[in-house]
Amino acid sequence: MMSELSDEASESELLNRSLSMWHGVGQMICREELDVPLDLHTASSIGQYEVVQECIQRGELDLNKRNCGGWTPLMYASYIGHDTIVHLLLEAGVNVNVPTPEGQTPLMLASSCGNESVAYFLLQVGVQEWLGKAAIAKLKCLRSGILQQF
């Protein structure tokens, strides 16, 4: 967690330096000029926890919505390895099984990039969903008398 905070601080510092170079060495950028609203997909991909949290709290967005590339916020966070954002999205109830247009799930994306903690979170939620669905299917079979024959 501490390394994440220092990474965010250094990213912010680097961004400020880059922008000041873009506008000329002597010019400084006002803080207000840097306040650009982020969409949920972008915030998830660059690790902006507070923005993702605010989007979830507002409750106005479909957290499973795909962008024009066919990716969900969970896919971006899983691919990049933002475990705190993945955890936040999972707590909000996103679907862990939505695939990319190429058929890759968030678990596949996390695994392909070596994001072990993200893969672990996704596996936990996926297993819970699978067990829940298996229990429901078993109950349906019991009600219909299919399992009573065995």
N, C-alpha and C. Protein backbone atom coordinates (compact mmCIF):
# COMPACT_ATOMS: atom_id res chain seq x y z
N MET A 1 0.83 -1.19 0.00
CA MET A 1 0.00 0.00 0.00
C MET A 1 0.87 1.25 0.00
N MET A 2 1.94 1.24 0.80
CA MET A 2 2.80 2.41 0.89
C MET A 2 3.48 2.68 -0.45
N SER A 3 3.91 1.62 -1.13
CA SER A 3 4.57 1.82 -2.42
C SER A 3 3.61 2.39 -3.45
N GLU A 4 2.32 2.00 -3.34
CA GLU A 4 1.32 2.54 -4.25
C GLU A 4 1.18 4.05 -4.07
N LEU A 5 1.20 4.50 -2.80
CA LEU A 5 1.06 5.93 -2.54
C LEU A 5 2.26 6.69 -3.09
N SER A 6 3.45 6.15 -2.90
CA SER A 6 4.63 6.85 -3.42
C SER A 6 4.64 6.83 -4.94
N ASP A 7 4.14 5.75 -5.55
CA ASP A 7 4.04 5.71 -7.01
C ASP A 7 3.09 6.77 -7.53
N GLU A 8 1.94 6.93 -6.83
CA GLU A 8 0.97 7.94 -7.26
C GLU A 8 1.56 9.33 -7.13
N ALA A 9 2.31 9.57 -6.05
CA ALA A 9 2.91 10.88 -5.85
C ALA A 9 3.94 11.15 -6.95
N SER A 10 4.76 10.17 -7.26
CA SER A 10 5.77 10.38 -8.29
C SER A 10 5.13 10.52 -9.67
N GLU A 11 4.03 9.79 -9.93
CA GLU A 11 3.31 9.93 -11.19
C GLU A 11 2.76 11.34 -11.33
N SER A 12 2.20 11.86 -10.24
CA SER A 12 1.65 13.21 -10.26
C SER A 12 2.75 14.24 -10.50
N GLU A 13 3.88 14.04 -9.82
CA GLU A 13 5.01 14.95 -10.00
C GLU A 13 5.51 14.91 -11.44
N LEU A 14 5.60 13.72 -11.99
CA LEU A 14 6.05 13.56 -13.37
C LEU A 14 5.08 14.22 -14.34
N LEU A 15 3.78 14.06 -14.09
CA LEU A 15 2.77 14.70 -14.93
C LEU A 15 2.92 16.21 -14.88
N ASN A 16 3.09 16.76 -13.68
CA ASN A 16 3.25 18.21 -13.55
C ASN A 16 4.47 18.70 -14.32
N ARG A 17 5.57 17.98 -14.23
CA ARG A 17 6.79 18.37 -14.95
C ARG A 17 6.56 18.29 -16.46
N SER A 18 5.91 17.23 -16.90
CA SER A 18 5.65 17.06 -18.33
C SER A 18 4.80 18.19 -18.87
N LEU A 19 3.76 18.54 -18.12
CA LEU A 19 2.87 19.60 -18.57
C LEU A 19 3.57 20.95 -18.57
N SER A 20 4.43 21.19 -17.58
CA SER A 20 5.13 22.48 -17.57
C SER A 20 6.11 22.56 -18.75
N MET A 21 6.70 21.43 -19.13
CA MET A 21 7.58 21.43 -20.30
C MET A 21 6.78 21.67 -21.57
N TRP A 22 5.60 21.11 -21.64
CA TRP A 22 4.73 21.26 -22.81
C TRP A 22 4.37 22.73 -23.02
N HIS A 23 4.11 23.44 -21.93
CA HIS A 23 3.71 24.84 -22.02
C HIS A 23 4.90 25.80 -21.97
N GLY A 24 6.06 25.29 -21.88
CA GLY A 24 7.24 26.14 -21.80
C GLY A 24 7.88 25.98 -20.44
N VAL A 25 9.19 26.03 -20.40
CA VAL A 25 9.92 25.77 -19.17
C VAL A 25 9.55 26.74 -18.07
N GLY A 26 9.35 28.00 -18.40
CA GLY A 26 9.10 29.01 -17.38
C GLY A 26 7.67 29.06 -16.87
N GLN A 27 6.74 28.47 -17.60
CA GLN A 27 5.34 28.57 -17.19
C GLN A 27 4.97 27.47 -16.21
N MET A 28 4.14 27.84 -15.26
CA MET A 28 3.63 26.87 -14.29
C MET A 28 2.16 26.61 -14.62
N ILE A 29 1.73 25.41 -14.36
CA ILE A 29 0.35 25.02 -14.61
C ILE A 29 -0.44 25.19 -13.32
N CYS A 30 -1.59 25.83 -13.43
CA CYS A 30 -2.47 25.96 -12.27
C CYS A 30 -3.05 24.60 -11.93
N ARG A 31 -3.29 24.36 -10.67
CA ARG A 31 -3.87 23.09 -10.23
C ARG A 31 -5.23 22.87 -10.90
N GLU A 32 -6.00 23.94 -11.08
CA GLU A 32 -7.32 23.83 -11.69
C GLU A 32 -7.24 23.31 -13.13
N GLU A 33 -6.16 23.64 -13.81
CA GLU A 33 -6.00 23.19 -15.19
C GLU A 33 -5.77 21.68 -15.27
N LEU A 34 -5.30 21.10 -14.19
CA LEU A 34 -5.03 19.66 -14.17
C LEU A 34 -6.25 18.85 -13.76
N ASP A 35 -7.28 19.49 -13.23
CA ASP A 35 -8.47 18.78 -12.78
C ASP A 35 -9.38 18.45 -13.96
N VAL A 36 -9.12 17.33 -14.57
CA VAL A 36 -9.90 16.85 -15.71
C VAL A 36 -10.73 15.67 -15.22
N PRO A 37 -12.05 15.72 -15.43
CA PRO A 37 -12.87 14.60 -14.96
C PRO A 37 -12.52 13.31 -15.71
N LEU A 38 -12.44 12.21 -14.96
CA LEU A 38 -12.10 10.92 -15.55
C LEU A 38 -13.34 10.04 -15.61
N ASP A 39 -13.44 9.26 -16.68
CA ASP A 39 -14.51 8.28 -16.73
C ASP A 39 -14.06 7.05 -15.94
N LEU A 40 -15.00 6.17 -15.64
CA LEU A 40 -14.72 5.00 -14.81
C LEU A 40 -13.67 4.09 -15.43
N HIS A 41 -13.71 3.90 -16.73
CA HIS A 41 -12.74 3.03 -17.40
C HIS A 41 -11.32 3.59 -17.27
N THR A 42 -11.17 4.88 -17.52
CA THR A 42 -9.85 5.51 -17.42
C THR A 42 -9.35 5.48 -15.99
N ALA A 43 -10.22 5.83 -15.05
CA ALA A 43 -9.83 5.84 -13.64
C ALA A 43 -9.39 4.45 -13.19
N SER A 44 -10.08 3.42 -13.66
CA SER A 44 -9.71 2.04 -13.30
C SER A 44 -8.38 1.64 -13.91
N SER A 45 -8.09 2.15 -15.09
CA SER A 45 -6.84 1.76 -15.77
C SER A 45 -5.62 2.48 -15.21
N ILE A 46 -5.80 3.67 -14.67
CA ILE A 46 -4.63 4.41 -14.16
C ILE A 46 -4.56 4.42 -12.63
N GLY A 47 -5.44 3.67 -11.99
CA GLY A 47 -5.34 3.50 -10.54
C GLY A 47 -5.89 4.62 -9.70
N GLN A 48 -6.87 5.34 -10.18
CA GLN A 48 -7.46 6.45 -9.43
C GLN A 48 -8.58 5.93 -8.52
N TYR A 49 -8.19 5.42 -7.36
CA TYR A 49 -9.10 4.78 -6.42
C TYR A 49 -10.27 5.69 -6.04
N GLU A 50 -9.98 6.93 -5.70
CA GLU A 50 -11.02 7.85 -5.25
C GLU A 50 -12.07 8.10 -6.32
N VAL A 51 -11.64 8.20 -7.57
CA VAL A 51 -12.58 8.43 -8.67
C VAL A 51 -13.48 7.21 -8.86
N VAL A 52 -12.88 6.02 -8.82
CA VAL A 52 -13.66 4.78 -8.96
C VAL A 52 -14.65 4.67 -7.80
N GLN A 53 -14.18 4.95 -6.60
CA GLN A 53 -15.04 4.89 -5.42
C GLN A 53 -16.22 5.86 -5.55
N GLU A 54 -15.95 7.06 -6.02
CA GLU A 54 -17.02 8.04 -6.19
C GLU A 54 -18.03 7.59 -7.25
N CYS A 55 -17.55 7.03 -8.34
CA CYS A 55 -18.45 6.52 -9.38
C CYS A 55 -19.37 5.43 -8.83
N ILE A 56 -18.81 4.56 -8.01
CA ILE A 56 -19.59 3.48 -7.42
C ILE A 56 -20.61 4.05 -6.44
N GLN A 57 -20.19 4.98 -5.61
CA GLN A 57 -21.08 5.57 -4.60
C GLN A 57 -22.25 6.31 -5.23
N ARG A 58 -22.01 6.95 -6.35
CA ARG A 58 -23.10 7.66 -7.03
C ARG A 58 -24.18 6.71 -7.51
N GLY A 59 -23.78 5.52 -7.91
CA GLY A 59 -24.73 4.50 -8.35
C GLY A 59 -25.41 4.79 -9.67
N GLU A 60 -24.86 5.70 -10.44
CA GLU A 60 -25.49 6.10 -11.70
C GLU A 60 -24.95 5.34 -12.91
N LEU A 61 -23.86 4.61 -12.72
CA LEU A 61 -23.19 3.97 -13.85
C LEU A 61 -23.36 2.46 -13.83
N ASP A 62 -23.37 1.87 -15.01
CA ASP A 62 -23.33 0.42 -15.15
C ASP A 62 -21.87 0.01 -15.02
N LEU A 63 -21.52 -0.63 -13.93
CA LEU A 63 -20.13 -0.99 -13.66
C LEU A 63 -19.61 -2.07 -14.60
N ASN A 64 -20.51 -2.76 -15.27
CA ASN A 64 -20.13 -3.81 -16.22
C ASN A 64 -20.13 -3.32 -17.67
N LYS A 65 -20.35 -2.03 -17.86
CA LYS A 65 -20.45 -1.48 -19.22
C LYS A 65 -19.10 -1.57 -19.93
N ARG A 66 -19.18 -1.96 -21.20
CA ARG A 66 -17.98 -2.03 -22.03
C ARG A 66 -17.76 -0.68 -22.72
N ASN A 67 -16.51 -0.32 -22.90
CA ASN A 67 -16.21 0.89 -23.68
C ASN A 67 -16.15 0.52 -25.16
N CYS A 68 -15.72 1.46 -26.00
CA CYS A 68 -15.71 1.20 -27.44
C CYS A 68 -14.76 0.07 -27.82
N GLY A 69 -13.78 -0.23 -26.97
CA GLY A 69 -12.87 -1.35 -27.22
C GLY A 69 -13.38 -2.67 -26.69
N GLY A 70 -14.55 -2.63 -26.03
CA GLY A 70 -15.14 -3.85 -25.50
C GLY A 70 -14.64 -4.26 -24.12
N TRP A 71 -13.96 -3.34 -23.44
CA TRP A 71 -13.42 -3.65 -22.11
C TRP A 71 -14.25 -2.99 -21.02
N THR A 72 -14.32 -3.66 -19.87
CA THR A 72 -14.99 -3.13 -18.69
C THR A 72 -13.94 -2.52 -17.76
N PRO A 73 -14.37 -1.72 -16.77
CA PRO A 73 -13.41 -1.20 -15.80
C PRO A 73 -12.63 -2.31 -15.08
N LEU A 74 -13.31 -3.43 -14.77
CA LEU A 74 -12.63 -4.54 -14.10
C LEU A 74 -11.52 -5.13 -14.98
N MET A 75 -11.74 -5.18 -16.27
CA MET A 75 -10.72 -5.71 -17.17
C MET A 75 -9.46 -4.85 -17.12
N TYR A 76 -9.64 -3.53 -17.16
CA TYR A 76 -8.48 -2.63 -17.11
C TYR A 76 -7.72 -2.78 -15.80
N ALA A 77 -8.45 -2.75 -14.69
CA ALA A 77 -7.80 -2.85 -13.38
C ALA A 77 -7.10 -4.20 -13.22
N SER A 78 -7.70 -5.26 -13.75
CA SER A 78 -7.11 -6.60 -13.67
C SER A 78 -5.85 -6.70 -14.52
N TYR A 79 -5.91 -6.17 -15.72
CA TYR A 79 -4.80 -6.23 -16.66
C TYR A 79 -3.59 -5.45 -16.14
N ILE A 80 -3.85 -4.26 -15.61
CA ILE A 80 -2.76 -3.40 -15.12
C ILE A 80 -2.27 -3.86 -13.75
N GLY A 81 -3.17 -4.43 -12.95
CA GLY A 81 -2.78 -4.92 -11.62
C GLY A 81 -3.12 -3.99 -10.48
N HIS A 82 -4.16 -3.20 -10.64
CA HIS A 82 -4.59 -2.31 -9.56
C HIS A 82 -5.50 -3.10 -8.61
N ASP A 83 -4.87 -3.81 -7.67
CA ASP A 83 -5.62 -4.72 -6.81
C ASP A 83 -6.64 -4.01 -5.92
N THR A 84 -6.34 -2.80 -5.47
CA THR A 84 -7.31 -2.10 -4.62
C THR A 84 -8.56 -1.72 -5.42
N ILE A 85 -8.38 -1.39 -6.67
CA ILE A 85 -9.53 -1.05 -7.52
C ILE A 85 -10.30 -2.31 -7.88
N VAL A 86 -9.60 -3.39 -8.17
CA VAL A 86 -10.28 -4.66 -8.44
C VAL A 86 -11.13 -5.05 -7.24
N HIS A 87 -10.56 -4.96 -6.05
CA HIS A 87 -11.30 -5.31 -4.83
C HIS A 87 -12.53 -4.42 -4.67
N LEU A 88 -12.36 -3.13 -4.91
CA LEU A 88 -13.47 -2.18 -4.81
C LEU A 88 -14.58 -2.53 -5.80
N LEU A 89 -14.22 -2.82 -7.04
CA LEU A 89 -15.21 -3.18 -8.06
C LEU A 89 -15.90 -4.50 -7.72
N LEU A 90 -15.14 -5.46 -7.20
CA LEU A 90 -15.73 -6.75 -6.83
C LEU A 90 -16.71 -6.58 -5.68
N GLU A 91 -16.36 -5.74 -4.70
CA GLU A 91 -17.28 -5.47 -3.59
C GLU A 91 -18.56 -4.82 -4.09
N ALA A 92 -18.46 -4.07 -5.17
CA ALA A 92 -19.63 -3.39 -5.74
C ALA A 92 -20.48 -4.34 -6.57
N GLY A 93 -19.99 -5.57 -6.78
CA GLY A 93 -20.79 -6.58 -7.45
C GLY A 93 -20.63 -6.70 -8.95
N VAL A 94 -19.48 -6.29 -9.49
CA VAL A 94 -19.29 -6.43 -10.94
C VAL A 94 -19.25 -7.90 -11.33
N ASN A 95 -19.53 -8.16 -12.58
CA ASN A 95 -19.51 -9.52 -13.11
C ASN A 95 -18.07 -9.89 -13.46
N VAL A 96 -17.54 -10.93 -12.81
CA VAL A 96 -16.15 -11.33 -13.05
C VAL A 96 -15.98 -12.14 -14.32
N ASN A 97 -17.07 -12.55 -14.93
CA ASN A 97 -16.99 -13.44 -16.09
C ASN A 97 -17.25 -12.78 -17.43
N VAL A 98 -17.36 -11.47 -17.47
CA VAL A 98 -17.57 -10.77 -18.74
C VAL A 98 -16.26 -10.84 -19.53
N PRO A 99 -16.29 -11.40 -20.75
CA PRO A 99 -15.05 -11.51 -21.53
C PRO A 99 -14.83 -10.31 -22.45
N THR A 100 -13.58 -10.14 -22.86
CA THR A 100 -13.25 -9.15 -23.88
C THR A 100 -13.82 -9.66 -25.21
N PRO A 101 -13.83 -8.82 -26.25
CA PRO A 101 -14.27 -9.31 -27.56
C PRO A 101 -13.44 -10.51 -28.05
N GLU A 102 -12.23 -10.65 -27.55
CA GLU A 102 -11.37 -11.77 -27.93
C GLU A 102 -11.60 -12.99 -27.03
N GLY A 103 -12.50 -12.87 -26.05
CA GLY A 103 -12.83 -13.99 -25.18
C GLY A 103 -12.03 -14.11 -23.90
N GLN A 104 -11.25 -13.09 -23.55
CA GLN A 104 -10.46 -13.14 -22.33
C GLN A 104 -11.25 -12.56 -21.16
N THR A 105 -11.27 -13.29 -20.06
CA THR A 105 -11.93 -12.81 -18.84
C THR A 105 -10.94 -11.97 -18.04
N PRO A 106 -11.43 -11.20 -17.07
CA PRO A 106 -10.50 -10.46 -16.20
C PRO A 106 -9.46 -11.36 -15.54
N LEU A 107 -9.85 -12.59 -15.16
CA LEU A 107 -8.90 -13.53 -14.57
C LEU A 107 -7.78 -13.87 -15.56
N MET A 108 -8.13 -14.09 -16.81
CA MET A 108 -7.13 -14.39 -17.83
C MET A 108 -6.19 -13.20 -18.03
N LEU A 109 -6.75 -11.99 -18.03
CA LEU A 109 -5.94 -10.79 -18.21
C LEU A 109 -4.97 -10.62 -17.05
N ALA A 110 -5.47 -10.80 -15.82
CA ALA A 110 -4.61 -10.67 -14.64
C ALA A 110 -3.50 -11.72 -14.66
N SER A 111 -3.87 -12.94 -14.98
CA SER A 111 -2.89 -14.04 -15.00
C SER A 111 -1.83 -13.83 -16.07
N SER A 112 -2.24 -13.35 -17.23
CA SER A 112 -1.28 -13.16 -18.33
C SER A 112 -0.25 -12.09 -18.02
N CYS A 113 -0.59 -11.20 -17.09
CA CYS A 113 0.34 -10.12 -16.73
C CYS A 113 1.04 -10.39 -15.40
N GLY A 114 0.79 -11.55 -14.80
CA GLY A 114 1.45 -11.89 -13.54
C GLY A 114 0.91 -11.16 -12.33
N ASN A 115 -0.32 -10.70 -12.40
CA ASN A 115 -0.93 -9.98 -11.29
C ASN A 115 -1.60 -10.98 -10.34
N GLU A 116 -0.77 -11.60 -9.48
CA GLU A 116 -1.23 -12.69 -8.63
C GLU A 116 -2.31 -12.30 -7.64
N SER A 117 -2.15 -11.14 -7.00
CA SER A 117 -3.15 -10.74 -5.99
C SER A 117 -4.50 -10.48 -6.65
N VAL A 118 -4.49 -9.92 -7.84
CA VAL A 118 -5.73 -9.68 -8.58
C VAL A 118 -6.36 -11.01 -8.98
N ALA A 119 -5.55 -11.92 -9.48
CA ALA A 119 -6.05 -13.24 -9.87
C ALA A 119 -6.67 -13.95 -8.67
N TYR A 120 -6.06 -13.82 -7.51
CA TYR A 120 -6.58 -14.43 -6.29
C TYR A 120 -7.96 -13.87 -5.95
N PHE A 121 -8.11 -12.54 -5.98
CA PHE A 121 -9.41 -11.92 -5.71
C PHE A 121 -10.46 -12.44 -6.70
N LEU A 122 -10.10 -12.46 -7.96
CA LEU A 122 -11.04 -12.89 -9.00
C LEU A 122 -11.43 -14.36 -8.83
N LEU A 123 -10.47 -15.19 -8.47
CA LEU A 123 -10.77 -16.60 -8.23
C LEU A 123 -11.72 -16.78 -7.06
N GLN A 124 -11.48 -16.02 -5.99
CA GLN A 124 -12.36 -16.12 -4.81
C GLN A 124 -13.80 -15.79 -5.18
N VAL A 125 -13.99 -14.71 -5.89
CA VAL A 125 -15.34 -14.30 -6.27
C VAL A 125 -15.94 -15.29 -7.26
N GLY A 126 -15.14 -15.73 -8.22
CA GLY A 126 -15.62 -16.68 -9.22
C GLY A 126 -16.04 -18.00 -8.60
N VAL A 127 -15.28 -18.48 -7.63
CA VAL A 127 -15.63 -19.74 -6.95
C VAL A 127 -16.91 -19.56 -6.16
N GLN A 128 -17.05 -18.43 -5.48
CA GLN A 128 -18.27 -18.18 -4.72
C GLN A 128 -19.48 -18.15 -5.64
N GLU A 129 -19.34 -17.50 -6.80
CA GLU A 129 -20.45 -17.45 -7.75
C GLU A 129 -20.77 -18.85 -8.28
N TRP A 130 -19.71 -19.62 -8.59
CA TRP A 130 -19.91 -20.96 -9.11
C TRP A 130 -20.59 -21.85 -8.08
N LEU A 131 -20.14 -21.77 -6.82
CA LEU A 131 -20.75 -22.58 -5.77
C LEU A 131 -22.21 -22.19 -5.57
N GLY A 132 -22.48 -20.90 -5.65
CA GLY A 132 -23.87 -20.44 -5.52
C GLY A 132 -24.73 -20.96 -6.65
N LYS A 133 -24.23 -20.92 -7.87
CA LYS A 133 -24.98 -21.42 -9.02
C LYS A 133 -25.15 -22.93 -8.94
N ALA A 134 -24.10 -23.63 -8.48
CA ALA A 134 -24.19 -25.09 -8.35
C ALA A 134 -25.23 -25.47 -7.31
N ALA A 135 -25.28 -24.72 -6.21
CA ALA A 135 -26.27 -25.00 -5.17
C ALA A 135 -27.68 -24.76 -5.68
N ILE A 136 -27.87 -23.70 -6.43
CA ILE A 136 -29.19 -23.39 -7.00
C ILE A 136 -29.59 -24.48 -7.99
N ALA A 137 -28.66 -24.91 -8.83
CA ALA A 137 -28.95 -25.97 -9.80
C ALA A 137 -29.32 -27.26 -9.08
N LYS A 138 -28.61 -27.56 -8.00
CA LYS A 138 -28.90 -28.78 -7.23
C LYS A 138 -30.29 -28.71 -6.62
N LEU A 139 -30.65 -27.55 -6.09
CA LEU A 139 -31.99 -27.38 -5.52
C LEU A 139 -33.07 -27.56 -6.58
N LYS A 140 -32.82 -27.01 -7.77
CA LYS A 140 -33.79 -27.16 -8.85
C LYS A 140 -33.96 -28.62 -9.23
N CYS A 141 -32.84 -29.34 -9.28
CA CYS A 141 -32.89 -30.76 -9.60
C CYS A 141 -33.64 -31.54 -8.52
N LEU A 142 -33.38 -31.19 -7.27
CA LEU A 142 -34.07 -31.87 -6.16
C LEU A 142 -35.57 -31.64 -6.25
N ARG A 143 -35.95 -30.41 -6.56
CA ARG A 143 -37.37 -30.08 -6.66
C ARG A 143 -38.04 -30.84 -7.80
N SER A 144 -37.30 -31.02 -8.89
CA SER A 144 -37.90 -31.70 -10.04
C SER A 144 -37.80 -33.22 -9.92
N GLY A 145 -37.11 -33.72 -8.91
CA GLY A 145 -37.03 -35.15 -8.68
C GLY A 145 -35.91 -35.84 -9.42
N ILE A 146 -35.08 -35.09 -10.14
CA ILE A 146 -34.01 -35.70 -10.92
C ILE A 146 -32.99 -36.38 -10.01
N LEU A 147 -32.58 -35.72 -8.93
CA LEU A 147 -31.55 -36.29 -8.06
C LEU A 147 -32.09 -37.38 -7.14
N GLN A 148 -33.38 -37.47 -6.99
CA GLN A 148 -33.96 -38.47 -6.10
C GLN A 148 -33.75 -39.87 -6.65
N GLN A 149 -33.50 -39.99 -7.94
CA GLN A 149 -33.29 -41.29 -8.56
C GLN A 149 -31.93 -41.87 -8.19
N PHE A 150 -30.98 -41.05 -7.80
CA PHE A 150 -29.61 -41.51 -7.54
C PHE A 150 -29.45 -41.86 -6.11
